[in-house]
Amino acid sequence: MNKWNLFTRGLVKENAVLVLMIGLCPALAVSGTVRDAFGMGLAATFVLLFSNVIISIMSTQPK
């Protein structure tokens, strides 16, 4: 296994802290108004959408 694969595996694939924090992001936001809740919902959707796009692009690259 080369160093790049080891680095990406530890940083992205097997990083439990990163996975848990991405999942907790919308749950931890306590919004006082509907406007704030809507903004947080849009932000969480944006992050999840574009992280999925980036992961899909990375997974289709030849090894």
N, C-alpha and C. Protein backbone atom coordinates (compact mmCIF):
# COMPACT_ATOMS: atom_id res chain seq x y z
N MET A 1 0.85 -1.17 0.00
CA MET A 1 0.00 0.00 0.00
C MET A 1 0.90 1.24 0.00
N ASN A 2 0.62 2.14 -0.92
CA ASN A 2 1.46 3.33 -0.97
C ASN A 2 0.99 4.37 0.05
N LYS A 3 1.78 5.40 0.20
CA LYS A 3 1.51 6.40 1.23
C LYS A 3 0.24 7.20 0.94
N TRP A 4 -0.04 7.48 -0.34
CA TRP A 4 -1.23 8.26 -0.67
C TRP A 4 -2.50 7.50 -0.30
N ASN A 5 -2.56 6.21 -0.61
CA ASN A 5 -3.73 5.41 -0.24
C ASN A 5 -3.89 5.34 1.26
N LEU A 6 -2.82 5.19 1.98
CA LEU A 6 -2.87 5.16 3.43
C LEU A 6 -3.37 6.49 3.99
N PHE A 7 -2.90 7.58 3.42
CA PHE A 7 -3.33 8.91 3.85
C PHE A 7 -4.82 9.13 3.60
N THR A 8 -5.28 8.85 2.39
CA THR A 8 -6.69 9.07 2.07
C THR A 8 -7.60 8.13 2.85
N ARG A 9 -7.16 6.92 3.08
CA ARG A 9 -7.97 5.99 3.86
C ARG A 9 -8.13 6.49 5.29
N GLY A 10 -7.07 6.97 5.88
CA GLY A 10 -7.14 7.46 7.25
C GLY A 10 -7.86 8.79 7.37
N LEU A 11 -7.77 9.62 6.35
CA LEU A 11 -8.38 10.94 6.39
C LEU A 11 -9.87 10.91 6.07
N VAL A 12 -10.26 10.11 5.11
CA VAL A 12 -11.64 10.15 4.62
C VAL A 12 -12.42 8.89 4.97
N LYS A 13 -11.90 7.76 4.61
CA LYS A 13 -12.68 6.53 4.71
C LYS A 13 -12.84 6.01 6.13
N GLU A 14 -11.81 6.10 6.92
CA GLU A 14 -11.84 5.51 8.26
C GLU A 14 -11.74 6.56 9.37
N ASN A 15 -12.18 7.76 9.11
CA ASN A 15 -12.12 8.83 10.08
C ASN A 15 -13.46 8.93 10.80
N ALA A 16 -13.57 8.29 11.94
CA ALA A 16 -14.84 8.24 12.67
C ALA A 16 -15.27 9.62 13.15
N VAL A 17 -14.34 10.45 13.54
CA VAL A 17 -14.68 11.79 14.02
C VAL A 17 -15.31 12.61 12.90
N LEU A 18 -14.74 12.56 11.72
CA LEU A 18 -15.29 13.29 10.58
C LEU A 18 -16.70 12.80 10.24
N VAL A 19 -16.89 11.51 10.22
CA VAL A 19 -18.21 10.94 9.89
C VAL A 19 -19.24 11.34 10.94
N LEU A 20 -18.89 11.26 12.20
CA LEU A 20 -19.84 11.61 13.25
C LEU A 20 -20.17 13.10 13.25
N MET A 21 -19.19 13.95 13.02
CA MET A 21 -19.44 15.39 13.04
C MET A 21 -20.29 15.83 11.85
N ILE A 22 -20.09 15.22 10.68
CA ILE A 22 -20.93 15.55 9.53
C ILE A 22 -22.37 15.15 9.81
N GLY A 23 -22.57 14.01 10.46
CA GLY A 23 -23.92 13.56 10.78
C GLY A 23 -24.58 14.39 11.86
N LEU A 24 -23.80 14.94 12.79
CA LEU A 24 -24.36 15.72 13.89
C LEU A 24 -24.60 17.19 13.54
N CYS A 25 -24.07 17.65 12.46
CA CYS A 25 -24.16 19.07 12.11
C CYS A 25 -25.59 19.60 12.13
N PRO A 26 -26.54 18.99 11.43
CA PRO A 26 -27.90 19.54 11.48
C PRO A 26 -28.60 19.28 12.81
N ALA A 27 -28.23 18.22 13.50
CA ALA A 27 -28.92 17.88 14.75
C ALA A 27 -28.52 18.82 15.89
N LEU A 28 -27.33 19.36 15.87
CA LEU A 28 -26.87 20.21 16.96
C LEU A 28 -27.35 21.66 16.84
N ALA A 29 -27.81 22.03 15.68
CA ALA A 29 -28.24 23.42 15.49
C ALA A 29 -29.63 23.60 16.08
N VAL A 30 -29.71 24.38 17.12
CA VAL A 30 -30.99 24.70 17.75
C VAL A 30 -31.39 26.07 17.23
N SER A 31 -32.45 26.11 16.46
CA SER A 31 -32.88 27.36 15.84
C SER A 31 -34.04 27.97 16.61
N GLY A 32 -33.97 29.27 16.80
CA GLY A 32 -35.01 29.98 17.52
C GLY A 32 -36.13 30.46 16.63
N THR A 33 -35.84 30.60 15.34
CA THR A 33 -36.86 31.09 14.41
C THR A 33 -36.94 30.17 13.20
N VAL A 34 -38.05 30.27 12.48
CA VAL A 34 -38.22 29.46 11.27
C VAL A 34 -37.19 29.87 10.21
N ARG A 35 -36.88 31.14 10.16
CA ARG A 35 -35.89 31.62 9.19
C ARG A 35 -34.52 30.99 9.44
N ASP A 36 -34.10 30.95 10.70
CA ASP A 36 -32.82 30.32 11.04
C ASP A 36 -32.84 28.83 10.75
N ALA A 37 -33.95 28.18 11.05
CA ALA A 37 -34.06 26.74 10.79
C ALA A 37 -34.01 26.45 9.30
N PHE A 38 -34.66 27.29 8.51
CA PHE A 38 -34.63 27.11 7.06
C PHE A 38 -33.21 27.31 6.52
N GLY A 39 -32.52 28.32 7.01
CA GLY A 39 -31.13 28.55 6.60
C GLY A 39 -30.23 27.39 6.98
N MET A 40 -30.41 26.84 8.17
CA MET A 40 -29.60 25.70 8.58
C MET A 40 -29.91 24.47 7.73
N GLY A 41 -31.17 24.30 7.39
CA GLY A 41 -31.55 23.19 6.52
C GLY A 41 -30.92 23.31 5.14
N LEU A 42 -30.91 24.52 4.60
CA LEU A 42 -30.26 24.75 3.30
C LEU A 42 -28.75 24.51 3.39
N ALA A 43 -28.14 24.98 4.46
CA ALA A 43 -26.70 24.79 4.62
C ALA A 43 -26.35 23.31 4.74
N ALA A 44 -27.11 22.56 5.52
CA ALA A 44 -26.86 21.13 5.67
C ALA A 44 -27.06 20.40 4.35
N THR A 45 -28.09 20.78 3.60
CA THR A 45 -28.34 20.17 2.29
C THR A 45 -27.19 20.47 1.34
N PHE A 46 -26.71 21.70 1.33
CA PHE A 46 -25.59 22.10 0.49
C PHE A 46 -24.34 21.28 0.81
N VAL A 47 -24.02 21.15 2.07
CA VAL A 47 -22.83 20.41 2.49
C VAL A 47 -22.95 18.93 2.11
N LEU A 48 -24.09 18.33 2.40
CA LEU A 48 -24.27 16.91 2.08
C LEU A 48 -24.26 16.66 0.58
N LEU A 49 -24.88 17.54 -0.19
CA LEU A 49 -24.93 17.38 -1.63
C LEU A 49 -23.53 17.47 -2.24
N PHE A 50 -22.81 18.51 -1.90
CA PHE A 50 -21.50 18.69 -2.52
C PHE A 50 -20.44 17.73 -1.98
N SER A 51 -20.56 17.29 -0.74
CA SER A 51 -19.63 16.27 -0.27
C SER A 51 -19.88 14.96 -0.99
N ASN A 52 -21.14 14.65 -1.30
CA ASN A 52 -21.45 13.44 -2.05
C ASN A 52 -20.92 13.54 -3.47
N VAL A 53 -21.04 14.70 -4.10
CA VAL A 53 -20.51 14.90 -5.45
C VAL A 53 -19.00 14.72 -5.46
N ILE A 54 -18.31 15.30 -4.51
CA ILE A 54 -16.86 15.18 -4.45
C ILE A 54 -16.44 13.73 -4.21
N ILE A 55 -17.13 13.04 -3.33
CA ILE A 55 -16.80 11.64 -3.06
C ILE A 55 -17.06 10.79 -4.30
N SER A 56 -18.14 11.07 -5.03
CA SER A 56 -18.43 10.32 -6.25
C SER A 56 -17.36 10.55 -7.30
N ILE A 57 -16.91 11.77 -7.44
CA ILE A 57 -15.84 12.07 -8.40
C ILE A 57 -14.56 11.35 -8.01
N MET A 58 -14.23 11.38 -6.72
CA MET A 58 -13.01 10.72 -6.25
C MET A 58 -13.08 9.21 -6.43
N SER A 59 -14.25 8.63 -6.26
CA SER A 59 -14.36 7.17 -6.34
C SER A 59 -14.31 6.67 -7.78
N THR A 60 -14.60 7.53 -8.76
CA THR A 60 -14.55 7.10 -10.16
C THR A 60 -13.18 7.28 -10.79
N GLN A 61 -12.26 7.90 -10.10
CA GLN A 61 -10.91 8.09 -10.62
C GLN A 61 -10.18 6.75 -10.62
N PRO A 62 -9.45 6.47 -11.69
CA PRO A 62 -8.69 5.21 -11.71
C PRO A 62 -7.59 5.20 -10.66
N LYS A 63 -7.33 4.02 -10.16
CA LYS A 63 -6.32 3.88 -9.11
C LYS A 63 -4.93 3.79 -9.67
